Amino acid sequence: MRDGLVKIVYQGKETETAPTSVGGFLASVGVAADKVIIEYKGDILSAAAAASAPLEEGAELNAFKVVAGG
């Protein structure tokens, strides 16, 4: 952690953010945790789990929106 920031990889890009939860980070970038599939450190998290999971230095985070159609 540098200057009070945590470096993570979000959607394949390195970014720095204030220490927060996974859900807090997603909200800060405009993503509703209950509307996406959240992959954090190789695991799928529910929105409830994301709300309390702390962001860790160097962790990878992805959010996927499922689109259905025909």
C-alpha atoms as a PDB file:
ATOM      1  CA  MET A   1       0.000   0.000   0.000  1.00  0.00           C
ATOM      2  CA  ARG A   2       1.418   3.358  -1.058  1.00  0.00           C
ATOM      3  CA  ASP A   3       0.180   6.723   0.096  1.00  0.00           C
ATOM      4  CA  GLY A   4      -2.772   5.000   1.727  1.00  0.00           C
ATOM      5  CA  LEU A   5      -3.869   3.480  -1.609  1.00  0.00           C
ATOM      6  CA  VAL A   6      -4.287  -0.162  -2.589  1.00  0.00           C
ATOM      7  CA  LYS A   7      -3.173  -1.291  -6.053  1.00  0.00           C
ATOM      8  CA  ILE A   8      -5.500  -3.842  -7.667  1.00  0.00           C
ATOM      9  CA  VAL A   9      -6.179  -5.160 -11.156  1.00  0.00           C
ATOM     10  CA  TYR A  10      -9.747  -4.313 -12.180  1.00  0.00           C
ATOM     11  CA  GLN A  11     -11.068  -5.576 -15.515  1.00  0.00           C
ATOM     12  CA  GLY A  12      -7.469  -6.303 -16.563  1.00  0.00           C
ATOM     13  CA  LYS A  13      -6.105  -2.828 -15.767  1.00  0.00           C
ATOM     14  CA  GLU A  14      -3.999  -1.796 -12.796  1.00  0.00           C
ATOM     15  CA  THR A  15      -5.671   0.826 -10.664  1.00  0.00           C
ATOM     16  CA  GLU A  16      -5.124   2.400  -7.271  1.00  0.00           C
ATOM     17  CA  THR A  17      -7.943   3.039  -4.846  1.00  0.00           C
ATOM     18  CA  ALA A  18      -8.545   3.865  -1.231  1.00  0.00           C
ATOM     19  CA  PRO A  19      -8.791   0.786   0.982  1.00  0.00           C
ATOM     20  CA  THR A  20     -12.408  -0.368   0.970  1.00  0.00           C
ATOM     21  CA  SER A  21     -14.491  -3.463   0.400  1.00  0.00           C
ATOM     22  CA  VAL A  22     -14.969  -5.073  -2.987  1.00  0.00           C
ATOM     23  CA  GLY A  23     -18.563  -3.836  -2.970  1.00  0.00           C
ATOM     24  CA  GLY A  24     -17.456  -0.332  -1.976  1.00  0.00           C
ATOM     25  CA  PHE A  25     -14.972  -0.213  -4.833  1.00  0.00           C
ATOM     26  CA  LEU A  26     -17.543  -1.408  -7.354  1.00  0.00           C
ATOM     27  CA  ALA A  27     -19.993   1.248  -6.162  1.00  0.00           C
ATOM     28  CA  SER A  28     -17.268   3.897  -6.544  1.00  0.00           C
ATOM     29  CA  VAL A  29     -16.889   2.986 -10.228  1.00  0.00           C
ATOM     30  CA  GLY A  30     -20.644   2.893 -10.820  1.00  0.00           C
ATOM     31  CA  VAL A  31     -21.182  -0.870 -10.766  1.00  0.00           C
ATOM     32  CA  ALA A  32     -24.106  -2.295  -8.759  1.00  0.00           C
ATOM     33  CA  ALA A  33     -22.750  -5.446  -7.102  1.00  0.00           C
ATOM     34  CA  ASP A  34     -26.172  -7.093  -7.152  1.00  0.00           C
ATOM     35  CA  LYS A  35     -26.438  -6.703 -10.944  1.00  0.00           C
ATOM     36  CA  VAL A  36     -23.158  -8.389 -11.969  1.00  0.00           C
ATOM     37  CA  ILE A  37     -21.166 -11.560 -11.435  1.00  0.00           C
ATOM     38  CA  ILE A  38     -18.171 -10.674  -9.280  1.00  0.00           C
ATOM     39  CA  GLU A  39     -14.899 -12.567  -9.644  1.00  0.00           C
ATOM     40  CA  TYR A  40     -12.383 -11.696  -6.939  1.00  0.00           C
ATOM     41  CA  LYS A  41      -9.060 -13.498  -6.577  1.00  0.00           C
ATOM     42  CA  GLY A  42     -10.383 -16.348  -8.719  1.00  0.00           C
ATOM     43  CA  ASP A  43     -13.567 -16.869  -6.696  1.00  0.00           C
ATOM     44  CA  ILE A  44     -17.148 -15.843  -7.447  1.00  0.00           C
ATOM     45  CA  LEU A  45     -18.608 -13.588  -4.732  1.00  0.00           C
ATOM     46  CA  SER A  46     -22.218 -12.808  -3.962  1.00  0.00           C
ATOM     47  CA  ALA A  47     -23.133  -9.153  -3.549  1.00  0.00           C
ATOM     48  CA  ALA A  48     -23.431  -9.752   0.206  1.00  0.00           C
ATOM     49  CA  ALA A  49     -19.949 -11.290   0.383  1.00  0.00           C
ATOM     50  CA  ALA A  50     -18.511  -8.456  -1.723  1.00  0.00           C
ATOM     51  CA  ALA A  51     -19.876  -5.929   0.761  1.00  0.00           C
ATOM     52  CA  SER A  52     -17.570  -7.260   3.470  1.00  0.00           C
ATOM     53  CA  ALA A  53     -14.604  -8.613   1.466  1.00  0.00           C
ATOM     54  CA  PRO A  54     -11.658  -6.212   1.844  1.00  0.00           C
ATOM     55  CA  LEU A  55      -9.672  -5.219  -1.229  1.00  0.00           C
ATOM     56  CA  GLU A  56      -6.182  -6.678  -1.002  1.00  0.00           C
ATOM     57  CA  GLU A  57      -3.014  -5.318  -2.578  1.00  0.00           C
ATOM     58  CA  GLY A  58      -2.397  -6.925  -5.976  1.00  0.00           C
ATOM     59  CA  ALA A  59      -5.751  -8.736  -6.122  1.00  0.00           C
ATOM     60  CA  GLU A  60      -7.601  -9.216  -9.395  1.00  0.00           C
ATOM     61  CA  LEU A  61     -11.247  -8.143  -9.612  1.00  0.00           C
ATOM     62  CA  ASN A  62     -13.647  -8.551 -12.510  1.00  0.00           C
ATOM     63  CA  ALA A  63     -17.329  -7.738 -12.853  1.00  0.00           C
ATOM     64  CA  PHE A  64     -19.367  -9.420 -15.574  1.00  0.00           C
ATOM     65  CA  LYS A  65     -22.840  -8.438 -16.697  1.00  0.00           C
ATOM     66  CA  VAL A  66     -24.904 -11.284 -18.074  1.00  0.00           C
ATOM     67  CA  VAL A  67     -26.806 -10.394 -21.224  1.00  0.00           C
ATOM     68  CA  ALA A  68     -29.464 -12.751 -22.517  1.00  0.00           C
ATOM     69  CA  GLY A  69     -31.071 -12.585 -25.887  1.00  0.00           C
ATOM     70  CA  GLY A  70     -32.135 -14.550 -28.826  1.00  0.00           C
END
